[in-house]
Amino acid sequence: MLKRIILSIVFCFYNFSIFSQCAMCKAVIEGGNESVAEGVNNGITYLMVFPYILVGILFYFIYKYRKK
């Protein structure tokens, strides 16, 4: 149990380098400069956050409703 907790803490604070590009975006960006590619990568990651936030809000309201 302690091993699992320590491993979870390490993964929470470890900085992963994530490249969030689909195959089409990657093919288009490979011909451009690095700043454009980084901007597209950051934009894709930014857009991926909103579905998780919406699902989190949904689960919060379901939890709040069932707690009554």
C-alpha atoms as a PDB file:
ATOM      1  CA  MET A   1       0.000   0.000   0.000  1.00  0.00           C
ATOM      2  CA  LEU A   2       2.788   2.428   0.898  1.00  0.00           C
ATOM      3  CA  LYS A   3       4.584   1.602  -2.340  1.00  0.00           C
ATOM      4  CA  ARG A   4       1.468   2.512  -4.336  1.00  0.00           C
ATOM      5  CA  ILE A   5       1.078   5.844  -2.522  1.00  0.00           C
ATOM      6  CA  ILE A   6       4.716   6.778  -3.061  1.00  0.00           C
ATOM      7  CA  LEU A   7       4.487   5.823  -6.734  1.00  0.00           C
ATOM      8  CA  SER A   8       1.334   7.939  -7.137  1.00  0.00           C
ATOM      9  CA  ILE A   9       3.032  10.960  -5.562  1.00  0.00           C
ATOM     10  CA  VAL A  10       6.076  10.556  -7.816  1.00  0.00           C
ATOM     11  CA  PHE A  11       3.891  10.421 -10.943  1.00  0.00           C
ATOM     12  CA  CYS A  12       1.925  13.499  -9.825  1.00  0.00           C
ATOM     13  CA  PHE A  13       5.048  15.617  -9.512  1.00  0.00           C
ATOM     14  CA  TYR A  14       7.044  14.195 -12.417  1.00  0.00           C
ATOM     15  CA  ASN A  15       7.060  16.453 -15.468  1.00  0.00           C
ATOM     16  CA  PHE A  16       6.151  14.521 -18.597  1.00  0.00           C
ATOM     17  CA  SER A  17       6.829  15.954 -22.010  1.00  0.00           C
ATOM     18  CA  ILE A  18       3.621  15.336 -23.949  1.00  0.00           C
ATOM     19  CA  PHE A  19       3.224  15.948 -27.661  1.00  0.00           C
ATOM     20  CA  SER A  20      -0.485  16.161 -28.446  1.00  0.00           C
ATOM     21  CA  GLN A  21      -0.574  16.164 -32.193  1.00  0.00           C
ATOM     22  CA  CYS A  22      -2.732  14.113 -34.496  1.00  0.00           C
ATOM     23  CA  ALA A  23      -1.173  12.620 -37.626  1.00  0.00           C
ATOM     24  CA  MET A  24      -2.541  15.355 -39.913  1.00  0.00           C
ATOM     25  CA  CYS A  25      -1.338  18.191 -37.674  1.00  0.00           C
ATOM     26  CA  LYS A  26       2.070  16.607 -37.368  1.00  0.00           C
ATOM     27  CA  ALA A  27       2.419  16.242 -41.135  1.00  0.00           C
ATOM     28  CA  VAL A  28       1.467  19.873 -41.748  1.00  0.00           C
ATOM     29  CA  ILE A  29       3.667  21.263 -38.983  1.00  0.00           C
ATOM     30  CA  GLU A  30       6.815  19.271 -39.836  1.00  0.00           C
ATOM     31  CA  GLY A  31       7.506  21.625 -42.715  1.00  0.00           C
ATOM     32  CA  GLY A  32       7.204  24.770 -40.569  1.00  0.00           C
ATOM     33  CA  ASN A  33       9.358  26.262 -37.865  1.00  0.00           C
ATOM     34  CA  GLU A  34       9.516  25.105 -34.256  1.00  0.00           C
ATOM     35  CA  SER A  35       7.515  27.966 -32.727  1.00  0.00           C
ATOM     36  CA  VAL A  36       4.518  27.247 -34.968  1.00  0.00           C
ATOM     37  CA  ALA A  37       4.656  23.549 -34.102  1.00  0.00           C
ATOM     38  CA  GLU A  38       4.824  24.331 -30.387  1.00  0.00           C
ATOM     39  CA  GLY A  39       1.866  26.704 -30.690  1.00  0.00           C
ATOM     40  CA  VAL A  40      -0.278  24.072 -32.415  1.00  0.00           C
ATOM     41  CA  ASN A  41       0.754  21.497 -29.820  1.00  0.00           C
ATOM     42  CA  ASN A  42      -0.206  23.818 -26.957  1.00  0.00           C
ATOM     43  CA  GLY A  43      -3.518  24.648 -28.646  1.00  0.00           C
ATOM     44  CA  ILE A  44      -4.463  20.996 -28.972  1.00  0.00           C
ATOM     45  CA  THR A  45      -3.596  20.368 -25.331  1.00  0.00           C
ATOM     46  CA  TYR A  46      -5.654  23.426 -24.316  1.00  0.00           C
ATOM     47  CA  LEU A  47      -8.685  22.138 -26.246  1.00  0.00           C
ATOM     48  CA  MET A  48      -8.393  18.703 -24.615  1.00  0.00           C
ATOM     49  CA  VAL A  49      -8.888  20.196 -21.132  1.00  0.00           C
ATOM     50  CA  PHE A  50     -12.488  21.343 -21.585  1.00  0.00           C
ATOM     51  CA  PRO A  51     -14.153  17.910 -21.949  1.00  0.00           C
ATOM     52  CA  TYR A  52     -12.467  16.787 -18.723  1.00  0.00           C
ATOM     53  CA  ILE A  53     -13.656  19.898 -16.895  1.00  0.00           C
ATOM     54  CA  LEU A  54     -17.231  19.386 -18.144  1.00  0.00           C
ATOM     55  CA  VAL A  55     -17.258  15.722 -17.118  1.00  0.00           C
ATOM     56  CA  GLY A  56     -15.869  16.680 -13.709  1.00  0.00           C
ATOM     57  CA  ILE A  57     -18.620  19.244 -13.221  1.00  0.00           C
ATOM     58  CA  LEU A  58     -21.228  16.679 -14.286  1.00  0.00           C
ATOM     59  CA  PHE A  59     -19.950  14.121 -11.760  1.00  0.00           C
ATOM     60  CA  TYR A  60     -19.904  16.794  -9.054  1.00  0.00           C
ATOM     61  CA  PHE A  61     -23.570  17.622  -9.608  1.00  0.00           C
ATOM     62  CA  ILE A  62     -24.500  13.920  -9.748  1.00  0.00           C
ATOM     63  CA  TYR A  63     -22.674  13.371  -6.466  1.00  0.00           C
ATOM     64  CA  LYS A  64     -24.345  16.405  -4.915  1.00  0.00           C
ATOM     65  CA  TYR A  65     -27.782  15.249  -6.128  1.00  0.00           C
ATOM     66  CA  ARG A  66     -27.346  11.694  -4.787  1.00  0.00           C
ATOM     67  CA  LYS A  67     -26.075  12.925  -1.441  1.00  0.00           C
ATOM     68  CA  LYS A  68     -29.457  14.570  -0.684  1.00  0.00           C
END
